[in-house]
Amino acid sequence: MNEKLEKLNQEIEKTEAKLRRAQHREKMLEHQIKTLNRKERTHRLCTRGAMLESHLPHPEAISDVQVNTFLKILFHSSDTRQLMEKFFADNRKEDTE
């Protein structure tokens, strides 16, 4: 009886150790996902920021506030909104399919 109990306790310890390893691996994978998402976002921001800057006349002479104000005015225009609706309508169709 004692021997059987000892084997069961050892099995419990092994299973608990396996669980701890799996939990640790899960945390590592979650951290990797967060890191990859952050890198992807940083890349996207840099790429799109470069795209914007390539269309600005003398971007080094324009302040961040001026760029932000310009974008607010541009994107709040009804013409721009309509154009974006038409331009990005295909994206919505693909998402629903």
N, C-alpha and C. Protein backbone atom coordinates (compact mmCIF):
# COMPACT_ATOMS: atom_id res chain seq x y z
N MET A 1 0.83 -1.19 0.00
CA MET A 1 0.00 0.00 0.00
C MET A 1 0.88 1.26 0.00
N ASN A 2 1.89 1.26 0.88
CA ASN A 2 2.81 2.39 0.97
C ASN A 2 3.55 2.61 -0.35
N GLU A 3 3.92 1.51 -0.97
CA GLU A 3 4.66 1.58 -2.24
C GLU A 3 3.77 2.17 -3.35
N LYS A 4 2.53 1.76 -3.36
CA LYS A 4 1.59 2.27 -4.34
C LYS A 4 1.35 3.77 -4.14
N LEU A 5 1.24 4.17 -2.89
CA LEU A 5 1.05 5.59 -2.56
C LEU A 5 2.26 6.40 -2.99
N GLU A 6 3.44 5.86 -2.75
CA GLU A 6 4.67 6.55 -3.15
C GLU A 6 4.75 6.72 -4.66
N LYS A 7 4.38 5.68 -5.40
CA LYS A 7 4.38 5.77 -6.87
C LYS A 7 3.40 6.84 -7.34
N LEU A 8 2.23 6.87 -6.73
CA LEU A 8 1.24 7.88 -7.10
C LEU A 8 1.75 9.28 -6.79
N ASN A 9 2.39 9.46 -5.66
CA ASN A 9 2.96 10.77 -5.30
C ASN A 9 4.05 11.19 -6.28
N GLN A 10 4.88 10.22 -6.70
CA GLN A 10 5.92 10.52 -7.69
C GLN A 10 5.30 10.92 -9.03
N GLU A 11 4.24 10.22 -9.38
CA GLU A 11 3.55 10.55 -10.63
C GLU A 11 2.95 11.94 -10.55
N ILE A 12 2.40 12.29 -9.40
CA ILE A 12 1.84 13.63 -9.19
C ILE A 12 2.94 14.68 -9.34
N GLU A 13 4.10 14.44 -8.72
CA GLU A 13 5.22 15.37 -8.81
C GLU A 13 5.68 15.54 -10.26
N LYS A 14 5.78 14.43 -10.99
CA LYS A 14 6.20 14.51 -12.38
C LYS A 14 5.19 15.30 -13.20
N THR A 15 3.92 15.04 -12.95
CA THR A 15 2.87 15.74 -13.69
C THR A 15 2.86 17.22 -13.36
N GLU A 16 3.06 17.56 -12.09
CA GLU A 16 3.12 18.97 -11.69
C GLU A 16 4.33 19.66 -12.32
N ALA A 17 5.46 18.96 -12.38
CA ALA A 17 6.66 19.53 -13.01
C ALA A 17 6.41 19.76 -14.50
N LYS A 18 5.73 18.81 -15.13
CA LYS A 18 5.40 18.95 -16.54
C LYS A 18 4.46 20.13 -16.75
N LEU A 19 3.51 20.30 -15.85
CA LEU A 19 2.58 21.42 -15.93
C LEU A 19 3.33 22.75 -15.79
N ARG A 20 4.26 22.82 -14.83
CA ARG A 20 5.04 24.06 -14.64
C ARG A 20 5.85 24.37 -15.90
N ARG A 21 6.45 23.35 -16.50
CA ARG A 21 7.21 23.58 -17.74
C ARG A 21 6.30 24.09 -18.86
N ALA A 22 5.12 23.50 -18.95
CA ALA A 22 4.17 23.92 -19.99
C ALA A 22 3.71 25.35 -19.75
N GLN A 23 3.47 25.71 -18.48
CA GLN A 23 3.06 27.08 -18.16
C GLN A 23 4.18 28.06 -18.48
N HIS A 24 5.41 27.67 -18.19
CA HIS A 24 6.56 28.53 -18.49
C HIS A 24 6.69 28.72 -20.00
N ARG A 25 6.53 27.63 -20.73
CA ARG A 25 6.61 27.70 -22.20
C ARG A 25 5.50 28.60 -22.74
N GLU A 26 4.31 28.49 -22.16
CA GLU A 26 3.20 29.33 -22.59
C GLU A 26 3.53 30.80 -22.38
N LYS A 27 4.12 31.15 -21.24
CA LYS A 27 4.50 32.54 -20.99
C LYS A 27 5.55 33.00 -21.98
N MET A 28 6.51 32.13 -22.29
CA MET A 28 7.54 32.49 -23.26
C MET A 28 6.92 32.75 -24.64
N LEU A 29 5.99 31.90 -25.04
CA LEU A 29 5.35 32.06 -26.34
C LEU A 29 4.49 33.33 -26.38
N GLU A 30 3.79 33.62 -25.30
CA GLU A 30 3.01 34.86 -25.23
C GLU A 30 3.93 36.08 -25.35
N HIS A 31 5.09 36.00 -24.71
CA HIS A 31 6.06 37.10 -24.80
C HIS A 31 6.56 37.25 -26.24
N GLN A 32 6.82 36.12 -26.90
CA GLN A 32 7.27 36.17 -28.30
C GLN A 32 6.20 36.80 -29.19
N ILE A 33 4.95 36.45 -28.94
CA ILE A 33 3.85 37.02 -29.74
C ILE A 33 3.80 38.53 -29.55
N LYS A 34 3.89 38.98 -28.30
CA LYS A 34 3.88 40.42 -28.02
C LYS A 34 5.04 41.12 -28.70
N THR A 35 6.22 40.51 -28.65
CA THR A 35 7.40 41.09 -29.28
C THR A 35 7.23 41.19 -30.79
N LEU A 36 6.74 40.12 -31.40
CA LEU A 36 6.53 40.13 -32.86
C LEU A 36 5.48 41.15 -33.26
N ASN A 37 4.40 41.25 -32.49
CA ASN A 37 3.37 42.25 -32.78
C ASN A 37 3.92 43.67 -32.68
N ARG A 38 4.75 43.90 -31.65
CA ARG A 38 5.34 45.23 -31.47
C ARG A 38 6.29 45.55 -32.62
N LYS A 39 7.11 44.58 -33.03
CA LYS A 39 8.03 44.80 -34.15
C LYS A 39 7.27 45.05 -35.45
N GLU A 40 6.20 44.29 -35.65
CA GLU A 40 5.39 44.47 -36.85
C GLU A 40 4.77 45.87 -36.86
N ARG A 41 4.27 46.31 -35.72
CA ARG A 41 3.66 47.65 -35.63
C ARG A 41 4.72 48.73 -35.86
N THR A 42 5.88 48.57 -35.25
CA THR A 42 6.96 49.55 -35.43
C THR A 42 7.35 49.65 -36.90
N HIS A 43 7.47 48.50 -37.55
CA HIS A 43 7.82 48.49 -38.97
C HIS A 43 6.74 49.21 -39.79
N ARG A 44 5.48 48.90 -39.49
CA ARG A 44 4.37 49.53 -40.22
C ARG A 44 4.38 51.05 -40.01
N LEU A 45 4.60 51.50 -38.76
CA LEU A 45 4.63 52.93 -38.48
C LEU A 45 5.78 53.62 -39.21
N CYS A 46 6.94 53.00 -39.20
CA CYS A 46 8.09 53.59 -39.89
C CYS A 46 7.86 53.65 -41.40
N THR A 47 7.33 52.57 -41.95
CA THR A 47 7.08 52.52 -43.39
C THR A 47 6.06 53.57 -43.80
N ARG A 48 4.96 53.64 -43.07
CA ARG A 48 3.91 54.58 -43.44
C ARG A 48 4.32 56.02 -43.15
N GLY A 49 5.10 56.22 -42.10
CA GLY A 49 5.62 57.56 -41.82
C GLY A 49 6.54 58.01 -42.94
N ALA A 50 7.35 57.09 -43.46
CA ALA A 50 8.23 57.41 -44.58
C ALA A 50 7.42 57.74 -45.83
N MET A 51 6.33 57.00 -46.02
CA MET A 51 5.47 57.28 -47.16
C MET A 51 4.89 58.70 -47.06
N LEU A 52 4.41 59.04 -45.89
CA LEU A 52 3.86 60.38 -45.68
C LEU A 52 4.93 61.44 -45.92
N GLU A 53 6.09 61.24 -45.33
CA GLU A 53 7.16 62.22 -45.46
C GLU A 53 7.60 62.41 -46.89
N SER A 54 7.53 61.34 -47.67
CA SER A 54 7.95 61.46 -49.07
C SER A 54 7.04 62.39 -49.88
N HIS A 55 5.84 62.64 -49.38
CA HIS A 55 4.91 63.52 -50.10
C HIS A 55 4.88 64.94 -49.53
N LEU A 56 5.62 65.19 -48.47
CA LEU A 56 5.64 66.53 -47.87
C LEU A 56 6.78 67.35 -48.45
N PRO A 57 6.50 68.60 -48.78
CA PRO A 57 7.59 69.47 -49.26
C PRO A 57 8.46 69.88 -48.06
N HIS A 58 9.70 69.66 -48.13
CA HIS A 58 10.66 70.01 -47.07
C HIS A 58 10.19 69.52 -45.70
N PRO A 59 10.09 68.20 -45.52
CA PRO A 59 9.55 67.66 -44.27
C PRO A 59 10.36 68.04 -43.03
N GLU A 60 11.65 68.30 -43.23
CA GLU A 60 12.49 68.68 -42.08
C GLU A 60 12.14 70.07 -41.56
N ALA A 61 11.48 70.87 -42.38
CA ALA A 61 11.13 72.24 -41.98
C ALA A 61 9.72 72.33 -41.39
N ILE A 62 9.00 71.22 -41.38
CA ILE A 62 7.62 71.20 -40.88
C ILE A 62 7.61 70.56 -39.49
N SER A 63 6.88 71.16 -38.57
CA SER A 63 6.80 70.61 -37.22
C SER A 63 5.79 69.46 -37.15
N ASP A 64 5.91 68.68 -36.12
CA ASP A 64 4.96 67.58 -35.90
C ASP A 64 3.53 68.12 -35.74
N VAL A 65 3.41 69.23 -35.07
CA VAL A 65 2.09 69.85 -34.87
C VAL A 65 1.49 70.25 -36.21
N GLN A 66 2.31 70.81 -37.08
CA GLN A 66 1.81 71.21 -38.40
C GLN A 66 1.36 70.00 -39.21
N VAL A 67 2.14 68.93 -39.16
CA VAL A 67 1.77 67.71 -39.90
C VAL A 67 0.46 67.16 -39.34
N ASN A 68 0.35 67.13 -38.02
CA ASN A 68 -0.86 66.61 -37.39
C ASN A 68 -2.08 67.46 -37.78
N THR A 69 -1.94 68.76 -37.74
CA THR A 69 -3.03 69.66 -38.12
C THR A 69 -3.42 69.44 -39.58
N PHE A 70 -2.43 69.34 -40.44
CA PHE A 70 -2.69 69.10 -41.86
C PHE A 70 -3.47 67.79 -42.06
N LEU A 71 -3.05 66.73 -41.37
CA LEU A 71 -3.73 65.44 -41.51
C LEU A 71 -5.15 65.48 -40.97
N LYS A 72 -5.34 66.19 -39.86
CA LYS A 72 -6.70 66.33 -39.32
C LYS A 72 -7.61 67.01 -40.33
N ILE A 73 -7.13 68.10 -40.90
CA ILE A 73 -7.92 68.83 -41.90
C ILE A 73 -8.19 67.94 -43.10
N LEU A 74 -7.16 67.27 -43.57
CA LEU A 74 -7.28 66.42 -44.75
C LEU A 74 -8.27 65.28 -44.52
N PHE A 75 -8.16 64.59 -43.41
CA PHE A 75 -8.98 63.40 -43.17
C PHE A 75 -10.39 63.72 -42.67
N HIS A 76 -10.63 64.95 -42.28
CA HIS A 76 -11.98 65.32 -41.86
C HIS A 76 -12.79 65.93 -43.01
N SER A 77 -12.17 66.06 -44.14
CA SER A 77 -12.86 66.58 -45.33
C SER A 77 -13.83 65.51 -45.84
N SER A 78 -15.03 65.92 -46.21
CA SER A 78 -16.02 64.95 -46.69
C SER A 78 -15.57 64.31 -48.00
N ASP A 79 -14.88 65.07 -48.84
CA ASP A 79 -14.37 64.50 -50.09
C ASP A 79 -13.38 63.38 -49.81
N THR A 80 -12.50 63.61 -48.84
CA THR A 80 -11.51 62.60 -48.49
C THR A 80 -12.20 61.37 -47.91
N ARG A 81 -13.18 61.56 -47.06
CA ARG A 81 -13.92 60.43 -46.48
C ARG A 81 -14.58 59.59 -47.57
N GLN A 82 -15.22 60.26 -48.51
CA GLN A 82 -15.87 59.52 -49.60
C GLN A 82 -14.86 58.75 -50.44
N LEU A 83 -13.74 59.38 -50.71
CA LEU A 83 -12.69 58.72 -51.48
C LEU A 83 -12.16 57.50 -50.73
N MET A 84 -11.94 57.65 -49.43
CA MET A 84 -11.46 56.51 -48.62
C MET A 84 -12.49 55.40 -48.60
N GLU A 85 -13.77 55.74 -48.47
CA GLU A 85 -14.84 54.73 -48.47
C GLU A 85 -14.78 53.91 -49.75
N LYS A 86 -14.67 54.59 -50.89
CA LYS A 86 -14.60 53.89 -52.17
C LYS A 86 -13.32 53.08 -52.30
N PHE A 87 -12.21 53.69 -51.90
CA PHE A 87 -10.90 53.07 -52.07
C PHE A 87 -10.75 51.81 -51.21
N PHE A 88 -11.27 51.88 -49.98
CA PHE A 88 -11.09 50.76 -49.06
C PHE A 88 -12.30 49.83 -49.00
N ALA A 89 -13.28 50.03 -49.86
CA ALA A 89 -14.46 49.16 -49.88
C ALA A 89 -14.07 47.72 -50.20
N ASP A 90 -13.09 47.55 -51.08
CA ASP A 90 -12.64 46.20 -51.42
C ASP A 90 -12.09 45.46 -50.21
N ASN A 91 -11.42 46.15 -49.31
CA ASN A 91 -10.87 45.53 -48.10
C ASN A 91 -11.98 44.93 -47.26
N ARG A 92 -13.08 45.66 -47.12
CA ARG A 92 -14.21 45.17 -46.32
C ARG A 92 -14.83 43.94 -46.96
N LYS A 93 -14.92 43.93 -48.29
CA LYS A 93 -15.49 42.78 -48.98
C LYS A 93 -14.63 41.54 -48.74
N GLU A 94 -13.30 41.69 -48.80
CA GLU A 94 -12.39 40.58 -48.57
C GLU A 94 -12.49 40.07 -47.14
N ASP A 95 -12.66 40.97 -46.18
CA ASP A 95 -12.76 40.56 -44.79
C ASP A 95 -14.00 39.75 -44.51
N THR A 96 -15.10 40.05 -45.20
CA THR A 96 -16.34 39.35 -44.96
C THR A 96 -16.40 38.00 -45.66
N GLU A 97 -15.57 37.83 -46.67
CA GLU A 97 -15.56 36.55 -47.41
C GLU A 97 -14.76 35.49 -46.72
